[in-house]
C-alpha atoms as a PDB file:
ATOM      1  CA  GLN A   1       0.000   0.000   0.000  1.00  0.00           C
ATOM      2  CA  VAL A   2       1.666   3.180  -1.208  1.00  0.00           C
ATOM      3  CA  GLN A   3       1.171   6.312   0.839  1.00  0.00           C
ATOM      4  CA  LEU A   4       2.460   9.864   0.655  1.00  0.00           C
ATOM      5  CA  VAL A   5       2.964  11.546   3.990  1.00  0.00           C
ATOM      6  CA  GLU A   6       3.639  15.271   4.174  1.00  0.00           C
ATOM      7  CA  SER A   7       5.208  17.124   7.071  1.00  0.00           C
ATOM      8  CA  GLY A   8       6.605  20.528   7.866  1.00  0.00           C
ATOM      9  CA  GLY A   9       3.581  22.729   7.472  1.00  0.00           C
ATOM     10  CA  GLY A  10       2.595  25.247  10.061  1.00  0.00           C
ATOM     11  CA  LEU A  11       2.585  28.914  10.904  1.00  0.00           C
ATOM     12  CA  VAL A  12       5.208  31.180   9.365  1.00  0.00           C
ATOM     13  CA  GLN A  13       5.637  34.929   9.445  1.00  0.00           C
ATOM     14  CA  PRO A  14       5.743  36.922   6.227  1.00  0.00           C
ATOM     15  CA  GLY A  15       9.277  36.837   4.949  1.00  0.00           C
ATOM     16  CA  GLY A  16      10.029  33.699   6.904  1.00  0.00           C
ATOM     17  CA  SER A  17      10.983  30.204   5.819  1.00  0.00           C
ATOM     18  CA  LEU A  18       9.435  26.796   5.992  1.00  0.00           C
ATOM     19  CA  ARG A  19      10.484  23.407   4.707  1.00  0.00           C
ATOM     20  CA  LEU A  20       7.946  20.856   3.582  1.00  0.00           C
ATOM     21  CA  SER A  21       8.752  17.174   3.251  1.00  0.00           C
ATOM     22  CA  CYS A  22       6.864  14.351   1.615  1.00  0.00           C
ATOM     23  CA  ALA A  23       7.847  10.726   1.901  1.00  0.00           C
ATOM     24  CA  ALA A  24       6.371   8.017  -0.264  1.00  0.00           C
ATOM     25  CA  SER A  25       6.170   4.719   1.577  1.00  0.00           C
ATOM     26  CA  GLY A  26       5.350   1.207   0.486  1.00  0.00           C
ATOM     27  CA  SER A  27       6.757  -1.150  -2.088  1.00  0.00           C
ATOM     28  CA  ILE A  28       7.958   1.307  -4.720  1.00  0.00           C
ATOM     29  CA  PHE A  29      10.019   0.559  -7.782  1.00  0.00           C
ATOM     30  CA  SER A  30      10.341   4.107  -9.088  1.00  0.00           C
ATOM     31  CA  ILE A  31       8.652   7.489  -9.258  1.00  0.00           C
ATOM     32  CA  ASP A  32       8.816   9.621 -12.388  1.00  0.00           C
ATOM     33  CA  VAL A  33       7.816  13.012 -11.030  1.00  0.00           C
ATOM     34  CA  MET A  34       7.313  14.364  -7.536  1.00  0.00           C
ATOM     35  CA  GLY A  35       5.953  17.739  -6.748  1.00  0.00           C
ATOM     36  CA  TRP A  36       3.790  20.090  -4.800  1.00  0.00           C
ATOM     37  CA  TYR A  37       0.410  21.626  -5.465  1.00  0.00           C
ATOM     38  CA  ARG A  38      -1.470  24.041  -3.264  1.00  0.00           C
ATOM     39  CA  GLN A  39      -5.025  25.117  -2.760  1.00  0.00           C
ATOM     40  CA  ALA A  40      -6.112  28.262  -0.983  1.00  0.00           C
ATOM     41  CA  PRO A  41      -9.694  28.748   0.246  1.00  0.00           C
ATOM     42  CA  GLY A  42     -12.017  29.515  -2.635  1.00  0.00           C
ATOM     43  CA  LYS A  43      -9.347  28.867  -5.239  1.00  0.00           C
ATOM     44  CA  GLN A  44      -8.473  26.013  -7.539  1.00  0.00           C
ATOM     45  CA  ARG A  45      -5.580  23.710  -6.805  1.00  0.00           C
ATOM     46  CA  GLU A  46      -2.475  24.958  -8.567  1.00  0.00           C
ATOM     47  CA  SER A  47       0.914  23.519  -9.321  1.00  0.00           C
ATOM     48  CA  VAL A  48       3.728  24.987  -7.248  1.00  0.00           C
ATOM     49  CA  SER A  49       6.745  22.982  -8.297  1.00  0.00           C
ATOM     50  CA  ARG A  50       7.790  19.625  -9.659  1.00  0.00           C
ATOM     51  CA  ILE A  51      10.974  17.629 -10.053  1.00  0.00           C
ATOM     52  CA  THR A  52      11.722  14.645 -12.238  1.00  0.00           C
ATOM     53  CA  ARG A  53      13.662  11.594 -11.239  1.00  0.00           C
ATOM     54  CA  GLY A  54      16.612  13.033 -13.117  1.00  0.00           C
ATOM     55  CA  GLY A  55      16.434  16.315 -11.238  1.00  0.00           C
ATOM     56  CA  SER A  56      14.782  18.612 -13.760  1.00  0.00           C
ATOM     57  CA  THR A  57      12.678  21.202 -11.998  1.00  0.00           C
ATOM     58  CA  ARG A  58       9.779  23.480 -12.799  1.00  0.00           C
ATOM     59  CA  TYR A  59       8.271  26.285 -10.743  1.00  0.00           C
ATOM     60  CA  ALA A  60       5.181  28.400 -10.832  1.00  0.00           C
ATOM     61  CA  ASP A  61       6.046  31.995 -11.695  1.00  0.00           C
ATOM     62  CA  SER A  62       4.691  33.120  -8.336  1.00  0.00           C
ATOM     63  CA  VAL A  63       7.322  31.146  -6.405  1.00  0.00           C
ATOM     64  CA  LYS A  64      10.364  31.352  -8.674  1.00  0.00           C
ATOM     65  CA  GLY A  65      13.390  32.598  -6.807  1.00  0.00           C
ATOM     66  CA  ARG A  66      11.793  31.949  -3.428  1.00  0.00           C
ATOM     67  CA  PHE A  67      11.006  28.233  -3.336  1.00  0.00           C
ATOM     68  CA  THR A  68      13.399  25.390  -4.028  1.00  0.00           C
ATOM     69  CA  ILE A  69      12.358  21.818  -4.692  1.00  0.00           C
ATOM     70  CA  SER A  70      14.669  18.878  -4.147  1.00  0.00           C
ATOM     71  CA  ARG A  71      14.383  15.149  -4.089  1.00  0.00           C
ATOM     72  CA  ASP A  72      16.053  12.117  -2.555  1.00  0.00           C
ATOM     73  CA  ASN A  73      15.368   9.218  -4.889  1.00  0.00           C
ATOM     74  CA  ALA A  74      16.783   6.644  -2.481  1.00  0.00           C
ATOM     75  CA  LYS A  75      14.287   7.751   0.157  1.00  0.00           C
ATOM     76  CA  ASN A  76      11.419   8.482  -2.260  1.00  0.00           C
ATOM     77  CA  THR A  77      11.174  11.863  -0.606  1.00  0.00           C
ATOM     78  CA  VAL A  78      10.597  15.332  -2.001  1.00  0.00           C
ATOM     79  CA  TYR A  79      11.246  18.600  -0.227  1.00  0.00           C
ATOM     80  CA  LEU A  80      10.063  22.144  -0.737  1.00  0.00           C
ATOM     81  CA  GLN A  81      12.174  24.867   0.821  1.00  0.00           C
ATOM     82  CA  MET A  82      10.028  27.966   1.082  1.00  0.00           C
ATOM     83  CA  ASN A  83      11.883  31.237   1.638  1.00  0.00           C
ATOM     84  CA  GLY A  84      10.564  34.762   1.605  1.00  0.00           C
ATOM     85  CA  VAL A  85       7.092  33.468   2.296  1.00  0.00           C
ATOM     86  CA  LYS A  86       4.249  35.826   1.387  1.00  0.00           C
ATOM     87  CA  PRO A  87       0.668  35.960   2.664  1.00  0.00           C
ATOM     88  CA  GLU A  88      -0.525  34.698  -0.718  1.00  0.00           C
ATOM     89  CA  ASP A  89       1.461  31.503  -0.156  1.00  0.00           C
ATOM     90  CA  ALA A  90      -0.968  30.454   2.546  1.00  0.00           C
ATOM     91  CA  ALA A  91      -2.740  27.293   1.443  1.00  0.00           C
ATOM     92  CA  VAL A  92      -2.983  23.580   1.910  1.00  0.00           C
ATOM     93  CA  TYR A  93       0.022  22.061   0.193  1.00  0.00           C
ATOM     94  CA  TYR A  94      -0.388  18.662  -1.416  1.00  0.00           C
ATOM     95  CA  CYS A  95       2.395  16.306  -2.344  1.00  0.00           C
ATOM     96  CA  TYR A  96       2.174  14.530  -5.687  1.00  0.00           C
ATOM     97  CA  ALA A  97       3.918  11.448  -7.041  1.00  0.00           C
ATOM     98  CA  GLY A  98       3.393  10.920 -10.740  1.00  0.00           C
ATOM     99  CA  GLY A  99       4.146   7.733 -12.614  1.00  0.00           C
ATOM    100  CA  LEU A 100       4.793   5.746  -9.460  1.00  0.00           C
ATOM    101  CA  ILE A 101       5.484   2.102 -10.185  1.00  0.00           C
ATOM    102  CA  SER A 102       4.728  -0.199  -7.290  1.00  0.00           C
ATOM    103  CA  ILE A 103       6.043  -3.668  -6.580  1.00  0.00           C
ATOM    104  CA  PRO A 104       5.243  -6.467  -7.365  1.00  0.00           C
ATOM    105  CA  SER A 105       2.404  -5.443  -9.673  1.00  0.00           C
ATOM    106  CA  MET A 106       4.563  -2.950 -11.591  1.00  0.00           C
ATOM    107  CA  THR A 107       1.413  -0.882 -11.900  1.00  0.00           C
ATOM    108  CA  ARG A 108       1.971   2.758 -12.811  1.00  0.00           C
ATOM    109  CA  ARG A 109      -0.299   5.422 -11.312  1.00  0.00           C
ATOM    110  CA  ASP A 110      -0.354   8.780  -9.607  1.00  0.00           C
ATOM    111  CA  TYR A 111      -0.656   9.375  -5.879  1.00  0.00           C
ATOM    112  CA  TRP A 112      -1.551  12.342  -3.697  1.00  0.00           C
ATOM    113  CA  GLY A 113      -0.823  13.153  -0.100  1.00  0.00           C
ATOM    114  CA  GLN A 114      -3.419  14.312   2.399  1.00  0.00           C
ATOM    115  CA  GLY A 115      -2.139  17.855   2.479  1.00  0.00           C
ATOM    116  CA  THR A 116      -0.369  20.042   5.002  1.00  0.00           C
ATOM    117  CA  GLN A 117      -1.516  23.504   6.003  1.00  0.00           C
ATOM    118  CA  VAL A 118       0.745  26.509   5.580  1.00  0.00           C
ATOM    119  CA  THR A 119      -0.458  29.610   7.390  1.00  0.00           C
ATOM    120  CA  VAL A 120       1.243  32.960   6.876  1.00  0.00           C
ATOM    121  CA  SER A 121       0.659  35.501   9.594  1.00  0.00           C
ATOM    122  CA  SER A 122       2.533  37.956  11.732  1.00  0.00           C
END
């Protein structure tokens, strides 16, 4: 049973930093893409950042230069370092694992975490 478990959310002051982590557990052969989405109240879920197994990254324009995504393939874990946090970054952040191949079925599918709340307030 594959699961994605996020951690690291919480309260951060404007201009502060926060680091989100997401670990995929279970019998996993490989994961193509890992990333983060977020959803603020009354808004649609949006992509924040993603990273391929080979390390190629992509960021939403709103977070470029402030957020950094990284990944530990051996641990099936993805991180999101959030610096210079702004009030508009407040949202529930969801971890995503795309093209995850599980063992022994070798089935390929996408998985989502339960979400972790990021609150920005002074």
